[in-house]
PDB file of N, CA and C in Angstrom:
ATOM      1  N   UNK A   1      46.852  97.753 -26.007  1.00  0.00           N
ATOM      2  CA  UNK A   1      45.589  97.323 -25.428  1.00  0.00           C
ATOM      3  C   UNK A   1      45.875  96.591 -24.113  1.00  0.00           C
ATOM      4  N   UNK A   2      45.147  96.956 -23.079  1.00  0.00           N
ATOM      5  CA  UNK A   2      45.358  96.344 -21.776  1.00  0.00           C
ATOM      6  C   UNK A   2      44.547  95.051 -21.659  1.00  0.00           C
ATOM      7  N   UNK A   3      44.856  94.274 -20.630  1.00  0.00           N
ATOM      8  CA  UNK A   3      44.102  93.047 -20.365  1.00  0.00           C
ATOM      9  C   UNK A   3      42.637  93.358 -20.110  1.00  0.00           C
ATOM     10  N   UNK A   4      42.392  94.469 -19.406  1.00  0.00           N
ATOM     11  CA  UNK A   4      41.011  94.859 -19.105  1.00  0.00           C
ATOM     12  C   UNK A   4      40.234  95.131 -20.388  1.00  0.00           C
ATOM     13  N   UNK A   5      40.853  95.782 -21.355  1.00  0.00           N
ATOM     14  CA  UNK A   5      40.194  96.053 -22.636  1.00  0.00           C
ATOM     15  C   UNK A   5      39.860  94.757 -23.363  1.00  0.00           C
ATOM     16  N   UNK A   6      40.764  93.788 -23.291  1.00  0.00           N
ATOM     17  CA  UNK A   6      40.523  92.503 -23.948  1.00  0.00           C
ATOM     18  C   UNK A   6      39.357  91.774 -23.290  1.00  0.00           C
ATOM     19  N   UNK A   7      39.296  91.823 -21.966  1.00  0.00           N
ATOM     20  CA  UNK A   7      38.204  91.174 -21.241  1.00  0.00           C
ATOM     21  C   UNK A   7      36.886  91.848 -21.591  1.00  0.00           C
ATOM     22  N   UNK A   8      36.864  93.178 -21.608  1.00  0.00           N
ATOM     23  CA  UNK A   8      35.644  93.906 -21.971  1.00  0.00           C
ATOM     24  C   UNK A   8      35.175  93.512 -23.355  1.00  0.00           C
ATOM     25  N   UNK A   9      36.073  93.394 -24.302  1.00  0.00           N
ATOM     26  CA  UNK A   9      35.716  93.032 -25.670  1.00  0.00           C
ATOM     27  C   UNK A   9      35.128  91.617 -25.709  1.00  0.00           C
ATOM     28  N   UNK A  10      35.717  90.690 -24.965  1.00  0.00           N
ATOM     29  CA  UNK A  10      35.198  89.323 -24.930  1.00  0.00           C
ATOM     30  C   UNK A  10      33.798  89.279 -24.329  1.00  0.00           C
ATOM     31  N   UNK A  11      33.603  89.975 -23.217  1.00  0.00           N
ATOM     32  CA  UNK A  11      32.292  89.986 -22.575  1.00  0.00           C
ATOM     33  C   UNK A  11      31.245  90.635 -23.464  1.00  0.00           C
ATOM     34  N   UNK A  12      31.606  91.702 -24.155  1.00  0.00           N
ATOM     35  CA  UNK A  12      30.644  92.406 -24.997  1.00  0.00           C
ATOM     36  C   UNK A  12      30.173  91.564 -26.173  1.00  0.00           C
ATOM     37  N   UNK A  13      30.897  90.525 -26.540  1.00  0.00           N
ATOM     38  CA  UNK A  13      30.456  89.629 -27.608  1.00  0.00           C
ATOM     39  C   UNK A  13      29.174  88.893 -27.221  1.00  0.00           C
ATOM     40  N   UNK A  14      28.901  88.777 -25.919  1.00  0.00           N
ATOM     41  CA  UNK A  14      27.713  88.077 -25.447  1.00  0.00           C
ATOM     42  C   UNK A  14      26.466  88.956 -25.443  1.00  0.00           C
ATOM     43  N   UNK A  15      26.622  90.275 -25.549  1.00  0.00           N
ATOM     44  CA  UNK A  15      25.464  91.161 -25.513  1.00  0.00           C
ATOM     45  C   UNK A  15      24.507  90.847 -26.652  1.00  0.00           C
ATOM     46  N   UNK A  16      23.209  90.902 -26.322  1.00  0.00           N
ATOM     47  CA  UNK A  16      22.118  90.643 -27.264  1.00  0.00           C
ATOM     48  C   UNK A  16      22.098  89.209 -27.794  1.00  0.00           C
ATOM     49  N   UNK A  17      22.730  88.298 -27.076  1.00  0.00           N
ATOM     50  CA  UNK A  17      22.715  86.872 -27.447  1.00  0.00           C
ATOM     51  C   UNK A  17      21.862  86.118 -26.428  1.00  0.00           C
ATOM     52  N   UNK A  18      21.219  85.057 -26.889  1.00  0.00           N
ATOM     53  CA  UNK A  18      20.459  84.192 -25.990  1.00  0.00           C
ATOM     54  C   UNK A  18      21.417  83.204 -25.341  1.00  0.00           C
ATOM     55  N   UNK A  19      21.330  83.117 -24.017  1.00  0.00           N
ATOM     56  CA  UNK A  19      22.263  82.285 -23.264  1.00  0.00           C
ATOM     57  C   UNK A  19      21.527  81.471 -22.200  1.00  0.00           C
ATOM     58  N   UNK A  20      22.216  80.452 -21.734  1.00  0.00           N
ATOM     59  CA  UNK A  20      21.829  79.731 -20.533  1.00  0.00           C
ATOM     60  C   UNK A  20      22.933  79.959 -19.524  1.00  0.00           C
ATOM     61  N   UNK A  21      22.551  80.363 -18.319  1.00  0.00           N
ATOM     62  CA  UNK A  21      23.515  80.654 -17.261  1.00  0.00           C
ATOM     63  C   UNK A  21      23.329  79.625 -16.158  1.00  0.00           C
ATOM     64  N   UNK A  22      24.374  78.885 -15.870  1.00  0.00           N
ATOM     65  CA  UNK A  22      24.362  77.899 -14.787  1.00  0.00           C
ATOM     66  C   UNK A  22      24.805  78.615 -13.515  1.00  0.00           C
ATOM     67  N   UNK A  23      24.007  78.467 -12.444  1.00  0.00           N
ATOM     68  CA  UNK A  23      24.289  79.145 -11.183  1.00  0.00           C
ATOM     69  C   UNK A  23      24.812  78.175 -10.136  1.00  0.00           C
ATOM     70  N   UNK A  24      25.466  78.708  -9.121  1.00  0.00           N
ATOM     71  CA  UNK A  24      26.060  77.869  -8.064  1.00  0.00           C
ATOM     72  C   UNK A  24      25.046  76.996  -7.339  1.00  0.00           C
ATOM     73  N   UNK A  25      23.809  77.458  -7.233  1.00  0.00           N
ATOM     74  CA  UNK A  25      22.795  76.678  -6.511  1.00  0.00           C
ATOM     75  C   UNK A  25      22.121  75.635  -7.408  1.00  0.00           C
ATOM     76  N   UNK A  26      22.793  75.281  -8.508  1.00  0.00           N
ATOM     77  CA  UNK A  26      22.322  74.280  -9.478  1.00  0.00           C
ATOM     78  C   UNK A  26      21.064  74.707 -10.221  1.00  0.00           C
ATOM     79  N   UNK A  27      20.726  75.983 -10.184  1.00  0.00           N
ATOM     80  CA  UNK A  27      19.637  76.516 -10.995  1.00  0.00           C
ATOM     81  C   UNK A  27      20.205  77.046 -12.296  1.00  0.00           C
ATOM     82  N   UNK A  28      19.313  77.258 -13.236  1.00  0.00           N
ATOM     83  CA  UNK A  28      19.704  77.835 -14.515  1.00  0.00           C
ATOM     84  C   UNK A  28      18.811  79.031 -14.799  1.00  0.00           C
ATOM     85  N   UNK A  29      19.366  79.982 -15.508  1.00  0.00           N
ATOM     86  CA  UNK A  29      18.599  81.124 -15.998  1.00  0.00           C
ATOM     87  C   UNK A  29      18.839  81.205 -17.497  1.00  0.00           C
ATOM     88  N   UNK A  30      17.765  81.483 -18.239  1.00  0.00           N
ATOM     89  CA  UNK A  30      17.877  81.610 -19.687  1.00  0.00           C
ATOM     90  C   UNK A  30      17.305  82.938 -20.113  1.00  0.00           C
ATOM     91  N   UNK A  31      17.911  83.516 -21.139  1.00  0.00           N
ATOM     92  CA  UNK A  31      17.401  84.772 -21.666  1.00  0.00           C
ATOM     93  C   UNK A  31      18.431  85.457 -22.537  1.00  0.00           C
ATOM     94  N   UNK A  32      18.107  86.684 -22.934  1.00  0.00           N
ATOM     95  CA  UNK A  32      19.002  87.482 -23.775  1.00  0.00           C
ATOM     96  C   UNK A  32      19.778  88.435 -22.892  1.00  0.00           C
ATOM     97  N   UNK A  33      21.103  88.447 -23.048  1.00  0.00           N
ATOM     98  CA  UNK A  33      21.943  89.330 -22.237  1.00  0.00           C
ATOM     99  C   UNK A  33      21.756  90.769 -22.695  1.00  0.00           C
ATOM    100  N   UNK A  34      21.380  91.611 -21.745  1.00  0.00           N
ATOM    101  CA  UNK A  34      21.230  93.037 -22.002  1.00  0.00           C
ATOM    102  C   UNK A  34      22.504  93.779 -21.610  1.00  0.00           C
ATOM    103  N   UNK A  35      23.101  93.357 -20.492  1.00  0.00           N
ATOM    104  CA  UNK A  35      24.316  94.023 -20.003  1.00  0.00           C
ATOM    105  C   UNK A  35      25.193  93.005 -19.296  1.00  0.00           C
ATOM    106  N   UNK A  36      26.506  93.258 -19.370  1.00  0.00           N
ATOM    107  CA  UNK A  36      27.489  92.405 -18.695  1.00  0.00           C
ATOM    108  C   UNK A  36      28.675  93.285 -18.332  1.00  0.00           C
ATOM    109  N   UNK A  37      29.285  93.040 -17.163  1.00  0.00           N
ATOM    110  CA  UNK A  37      30.420  93.862 -16.753  1.00  0.00           C
ATOM    111  C   UNK A  37      31.647  93.007 -16.460  1.00  0.00           C
ATOM    112  N   UNK A  38      32.720  93.667 -16.010  1.00  0.00           N
ATOM    113  CA  UNK A  38      33.986  92.971 -15.754  1.00  0.00           C
ATOM    114  C   UNK A  38      33.906  91.953 -14.626  1.00  0.00           C
ATOM    115  N   UNK A  39      32.905  92.060 -13.770  1.00  0.00           N
ATOM    116  CA  UNK A  39      32.745  91.124 -12.652  1.00  0.00           C
ATOM    117  C   UNK A  39      31.811  89.981 -13.020  1.00  0.00           C
ATOM    118  N   UNK A  40      31.411  89.927 -14.291  1.00  0.00           N
ATOM    119  CA  UNK A  40      30.496  88.937 -14.833  1.00  0.00           C
ATOM    120  C   UNK A  40      29.082  89.077 -14.267  1.00  0.00           C
ATOM    121  N   UNK A  41      28.757  90.244 -13.700  1.00  0.00           N
ATOM    122  CA  UNK A  41      27.370  90.527 -13.351  1.00  0.00           C
ATOM    123  C   UNK A  41      26.624  90.644 -14.671  1.00  0.00           C
ATOM    124  N   UNK A  42      25.482  89.974 -14.751  1.00  0.00           N
ATOM    125  CA  UNK A  42      24.747  89.899 -16.007  1.00  0.00           C
ATOM    126  C   UNK A  42      23.307  90.334 -15.789  1.00  0.00           C
ATOM    127  N   UNK A  43      22.789  91.094 -16.729  1.00  0.00           N
ATOM    128  CA  UNK A  43      21.367  91.429 -16.764  1.00  0.00           C
ATOM    129  C   UNK A  43      20.796  90.726 -17.983  1.00  0.00           C
ATOM    130  N   UNK A  44      19.793  89.858 -17.746  1.00  0.00           N
ATOM    131  CA  UNK A  44      19.164  89.156 -18.856  1.00  0.00           C
ATOM    132  C   UNK A  44      17.679  89.499 -18.913  1.00  0.00           C
ATOM    133  N   UNK A  45      17.149  89.402 -20.122  1.00  0.00           N
ATOM    134  CA  UNK A  45      15.719  89.593 -20.342  1.00  0.00           C
ATOM    135  C   UNK A  45      15.146  88.241 -20.742  1.00  0.00           C
ATOM    136  N   UNK A  46      14.098  87.829 -20.029  1.00  0.00           N
ATOM    137  CA  UNK A  46      13.450  86.561 -20.349  1.00  0.00           C
ATOM    138  C   UNK A  46      11.939  86.720 -20.204  1.00  0.00           C
ATOM    139  N   UNK A  47      11.211  85.616 -20.248  1.00  0.00           N
ATOM    140  CA  UNK A  47       9.751  85.688 -20.178  1.00  0.00           C
ATOM    141  C   UNK A  47       9.241  86.255 -18.856  1.00  0.00           C
ATOM    142  N   UNK A  48      10.070  86.245 -17.826  1.00  0.00           N
ATOM    143  CA  UNK A  48       9.693  86.797 -16.524  1.00  0.00           C
ATOM    144  C   UNK A  48      10.040  88.275 -16.393  1.00  0.00           C
ATOM    145  N   UNK A  49      10.651  88.854 -17.411  1.00  0.00           N
ATOM    146  CA  UNK A  49      11.051  90.261 -17.358  1.00  0.00           C
ATOM    147  C   UNK A  49      12.564  90.385 -17.341  1.00  0.00           C
ATOM    148  N   UNK A  50      13.049  91.317 -16.538  1.00  0.00           N
ATOM    149  CA  UNK A  50      14.485  91.576 -16.414  1.00  0.00           C
ATOM    150  C   UNK A  50      14.998  90.889 -15.153  1.00  0.00           C
ATOM    151  N   UNK A  51      16.129  90.204 -15.282  1.00  0.00           N
ATOM    152  CA  UNK A  51      16.719  89.486 -14.145  1.00  0.00           C
ATOM    153  C   UNK A  51      18.196  89.850 -14.051  1.00  0.00           C
ATOM    154  N   UNK A  52      18.657  90.132 -12.832  1.00  0.00           N
ATOM    155  CA  UNK A  52      20.062  90.449 -12.597  1.00  0.00           C
ATOM    156  C   UNK A  52      20.728  89.257 -11.917  1.00  0.00           C
ATOM    157  N   UNK A  53      21.849  88.829 -12.472  1.00  0.00           N
ATOM    158  CA  UNK A  53      22.598  87.698 -11.921  1.00  0.00           C
ATOM    159  C   UNK A  53      23.951  88.189 -11.454  1.00  0.00           C
ATOM    160  N   UNK A  54      24.269  87.929 -10.199  1.00  0.00           N
ATOM    161  CA  UNK A  54      25.537  88.351  -9.619  1.00  0.00           C
ATOM    162  C   UNK A  54      26.658  87.451 -10.125  1.00  0.00           C
ATOM    163  N   UNK A  55      27.747  88.055 -10.544  1.00  0.00           N
ATOM    164  CA  UNK A  55      28.867  87.316 -11.116  1.00  0.00           C
ATOM    165  C   UNK A  55      29.416  86.223 -10.217  1.00  0.00           C
ATOM    166  N   UNK A  56      29.415  86.440  -8.915  1.00  0.00           N
ATOM    167  CA  UNK A  56      29.937  85.449  -7.972  1.00  0.00           C
ATOM    168  C   UNK A  56      29.092  84.194  -7.885  1.00  0.00           C
ATOM    169  N   UNK A  57      27.860  84.252  -8.371  1.00  0.00           N
ATOM    170  CA  UNK A  57      26.961  83.091  -8.334  1.00  0.00           C
ATOM    171  C   UNK A  57      26.947  82.324  -9.646  1.00  0.00           C
ATOM    172  N   UNK A  58      27.681  82.789 -10.632  1.00  0.00           N
ATOM    173  CA  UNK A  58      27.657  82.178 -11.959  1.00  0.00           C
ATOM    174  C   UNK A  58      28.769  81.147 -12.099  1.00  0.00           C
ATOM    175  N   UNK A  59      28.405  79.953 -12.545  1.00  0.00           N
ATOM    176  CA  UNK A  59      29.380  78.897 -12.786  1.00  0.00           C
ATOM    177  C   UNK A  59      29.860  78.978 -14.233  1.00  0.00           C
ATOM    178  N   UNK A  60      28.921  79.053 -15.185  1.00  0.00           N
ATOM    179  CA  UNK A  60      29.300  79.229 -16.577  1.00  0.00           C
ATOM    180  C   UNK A  60      28.144  79.802 -17.374  1.00  0.00           C
ATOM    181  N   UNK A  61      28.490  80.333 -18.538  1.00  0.00           N
ATOM    182  CA  UNK A  61      27.510  80.892 -19.465  1.00  0.00           C
ATOM    183  C   UNK A  61      27.688  80.183 -20.799  1.00  0.00           C
ATOM    184  N   UNK A  62      26.579  79.684 -21.356  1.00  0.00           N
ATOM    185  CA  UNK A  62      26.667  79.044 -22.665  1.00  0.00           C
ATOM    186  C   UNK A  62      25.697  79.727 -23.625  1.00  0.00           C
ATOM    187  N   UNK A  63      26.132  79.876 -24.869  1.00  0.00           N
ATOM    188  CA  UNK A  63      25.291  80.469 -25.901  1.00  0.00           C
ATOM    189  C   UNK A  63      24.260  79.468 -26.366  1.00  0.00           C
ATOM    190  N   UNK A  64      23.032  79.938 -26.559  1.00  0.00           N
ATOM    191  CA  UNK A  64      21.960  79.127 -27.151  1.00  0.00           C
ATOM    192  C   UNK A  64      21.930  79.432 -28.634  1.00  0.00           C
ATOM    193  N   UNK A  65      21.825  78.422 -29.431  1.00  0.00           N
ATOM    194  CA  UNK A  65      21.800  78.642 -30.877  1.00  0.00           C
ATOM    195  C   UNK A  65      20.409  78.540 -31.415  1.00  0.00           C
TER     196      UNK A  65
END
């Protein structure tokens, strides 16, 4: 198994989970992760619809319980 496969597996654990995403501009986005890629680009679904977050703007992602 390559490092890339391990990273993909870790990222895929977040799919269909509710998260809070902290962004570089001190804003937060909350919602359910629909898609995530190796660059940490995230597509979330929230009350405003579908939102795409660029991986370079993300500081951290935390799971909501």
